[in-house]
C-alpha atoms as a PDB file:
ATOM      1  CA  MET A   1      75.548  38.869 179.454  1.00  0.00           C
ATOM      2  CA  LEU A   2      76.592  42.794 178.767  1.00  0.00           C
ATOM      3  CA  SER A   3      79.549  43.947 180.501  1.00  0.00           C
ATOM      4  CA  GLY A   4      79.030  47.573 182.206  1.00  0.00           C
ATOM      5  CA  SER A   5      80.449  49.761 179.905  1.00  0.00           C
ATOM      6  CA  GLY A   6      77.846  47.993 177.190  1.00  0.00           C
ATOM      7  CA  ARG A   7      74.644  48.704 179.614  1.00  0.00           C
ATOM      8  CA  THR A   8      74.959  52.240 179.249  1.00  0.00           C
ATOM      9  CA  TYR A   9      74.840  52.500 175.223  1.00  0.00           C
ATOM     10  CA  MET A  10      71.511  49.839 175.742  1.00  0.00           C
ATOM     11  CA  PHE A  11      69.713  52.652 177.786  1.00  0.00           C
ATOM     12  CA  ARG A  12      71.394  55.846 175.713  1.00  0.00           C
ATOM     13  CA  ALA A  13      71.419  54.283 171.999  1.00  0.00           C
ATOM     14  CA  PRO A  14      68.718  51.074 172.070  1.00  0.00           C
ATOM     15  CA  TRP A  15      68.609  51.196 168.276  1.00  0.00           C
ATOM     16  CA  MET A  16      72.550  50.131 168.459  1.00  0.00           C
ATOM     17  CA  ALA A  17      71.181  46.221 169.603  1.00  0.00           C
ATOM     18  CA  ILE A  18      67.533  46.930 168.008  1.00  0.00           C
ATOM     19  CA  TRP A  19      68.383  47.300 164.552  1.00  0.00           C
ATOM     20  CA  PRO A  20      70.963  44.234 163.891  1.00  0.00           C
ATOM     21  CA  GLY A  21      68.549  42.061 165.884  1.00  0.00           C
ATOM     22  CA  VAL A  22      65.740  43.026 163.388  1.00  0.00           C
ATOM     23  CA  ALA A  23      68.343  42.361 160.647  1.00  0.00           C
ATOM     24  CA  ILE A  24      68.915  38.931 162.082  1.00  0.00           C
ATOM     25  CA  SER A  25      65.524  38.455 162.495  1.00  0.00           C
ATOM     26  CA  LEU A  26      64.886  38.937 158.705  1.00  0.00           C
ATOM     27  CA  ALA A  27      67.549  36.868 157.866  1.00  0.00           C
ATOM     28  CA  VAL A  28      66.716  34.366 159.702  1.00  0.00           C
ATOM     29  CA  PHE A  29      63.336  34.605 158.320  1.00  0.00           C
ATOM     30  CA  GLY A  30      64.277  35.186 155.015  1.00  0.00           C
ATOM     31  CA  PHE A  31      66.312  31.528 155.205  1.00  0.00           C
ATOM     32  CA  ASN A  32      63.532  29.883 156.231  1.00  0.00           C
ATOM     33  CA  MET A  33      61.176  31.160 153.301  1.00  0.00           C
ATOM     34  CA  LEU A  34      63.466  30.096 151.050  1.00  0.00           C
ATOM     35  CA  GLY A  35      64.263  26.675 152.379  1.00  0.00           C
ATOM     36  CA  ASP A  36      60.270  26.350 152.437  1.00  0.00           C
ATOM     37  CA  ALA A  37      60.256  26.972 149.014  1.00  0.00           C
ATOM     38  CA  LEU A  38      62.900  24.815 147.685  1.00  0.00           C
ATOM     39  CA  ARG A  39      61.456  22.042 150.180  1.00  0.00           C
ATOM     40  CA  ASP A  40      58.051  22.616 148.112  1.00  0.00           C
ATOM     41  CA  LEU A  41      59.983  22.672 144.994  1.00  0.00           C
ATOM     42  CA  LEU A  42      62.529  19.736 145.080  1.00  0.00           C
ATOM     43  CA  ASP A  43      60.798  17.404 147.302  1.00  0.00           C
ATOM     44  CA  PRO A  44      59.232  14.363 145.782  1.00  0.00           C
ATOM     45  CA  ARG A  45      57.181  13.057 148.066  1.00  0.00           C
ATOM     46  CA  LEU A  46      55.275  16.330 147.547  1.00  0.00           C
ATOM     47  CA  ARG A  47      55.023  16.453 143.861  1.00  0.00           C
ATOM     48  CA  GLY A  48      51.850  14.005 143.543  1.00  0.00           C
ATOM     49  CA  LEU A  49      49.903  16.712 146.102  1.00  0.00           C
ATOM     50  CA  ALA A  50      47.590  19.157 145.101  1.00  0.00           C
ATOM     51  CA  ARG A  51      47.549  22.293 147.081  1.00  0.00           C
END
Protein backbone atom coordinates (compact mmCIF):
# COMPACT_ATOMS: atom_id res chain seq x y z
CA MET A 1 0.00 0.00 0.00
CA LEU A 2 1.38 3.36 -0.98
CA SER A 3 1.79 6.09 1.55
CA GLY A 4 0.23 9.50 0.96
CA SER A 5 3.48 11.10 -0.17
CA GLY A 6 4.36 8.19 -2.43
CA ARG A 7 1.01 8.38 -4.18
CA THR A 8 1.83 11.81 -5.63
CA TYR A 9 5.00 10.44 -7.23
CA MET A 10 3.00 7.71 -8.92
CA PHE A 11 0.91 10.29 -10.76
CA ARG A 12 3.72 12.77 -11.42
CA ALA A 13 6.49 10.33 -12.32
CA PRO A 14 5.09 6.88 -13.14
CA TRP A 15 8.43 5.75 -14.60
CA MET A 16 9.73 5.56 -11.02
CA ALA A 17 7.56 2.46 -10.62
CA ILE A 18 7.42 1.23 -14.22
CA TRP A 19 11.16 0.80 -14.87
CA PRO A 20 11.92 -1.10 -11.66
CA GLY A 21 8.90 -3.30 -12.40
CA VAL A 22 10.20 -3.96 -15.91
CA ALA A 23 13.67 -4.74 -14.53
CA ILE A 24 12.25 -7.20 -11.99
CA SER A 25 10.10 -8.85 -14.68
CA LEU A 26 13.10 -9.25 -17.00
CA ALA A 27 15.22 -10.67 -14.18
CA VAL A 28 12.52 -13.21 -13.29
CA PHE A 29 12.09 -14.15 -16.95
CA GLY A 30 15.87 -14.55 -17.33
CA PHE A 31 16.15 -16.77 -14.26
CA ASN A 32 13.25 -18.89 -15.52
CA MET A 33 14.93 -19.34 -18.89
CA LEU A 34 18.24 -20.19 -17.20
CA GLY A 35 16.54 -22.73 -14.94
CA ASP A 36 14.77 -24.27 -17.92
CA ALA A 37 18.02 -24.60 -19.84
CA LEU A 38 19.82 -26.12 -16.84
CA ARG A 39 17.00 -28.61 -16.31
CA ASP A 40 17.11 -29.63 -19.98
CA LEU A 41 20.87 -30.03 -19.77
CA LEU A 42 21.15 -31.83 -16.43
CA ASP A 43 17.92 -33.84 -15.97
CA PRO A 44 18.76 -37.53 -16.57
CA ARG A 45 15.11 -38.36 -17.34
CA LEU A 46 15.19 -36.09 -20.38
CA ARG A 47 18.41 -37.44 -21.89
CA GLY A 48 16.75 -40.23 -23.87
CA LEU A 49 13.92 -38.11 -25.23
CA ALA A 50 14.16 -36.72 -28.73
CA ARG A 51 12.78 -33.23 -29.15
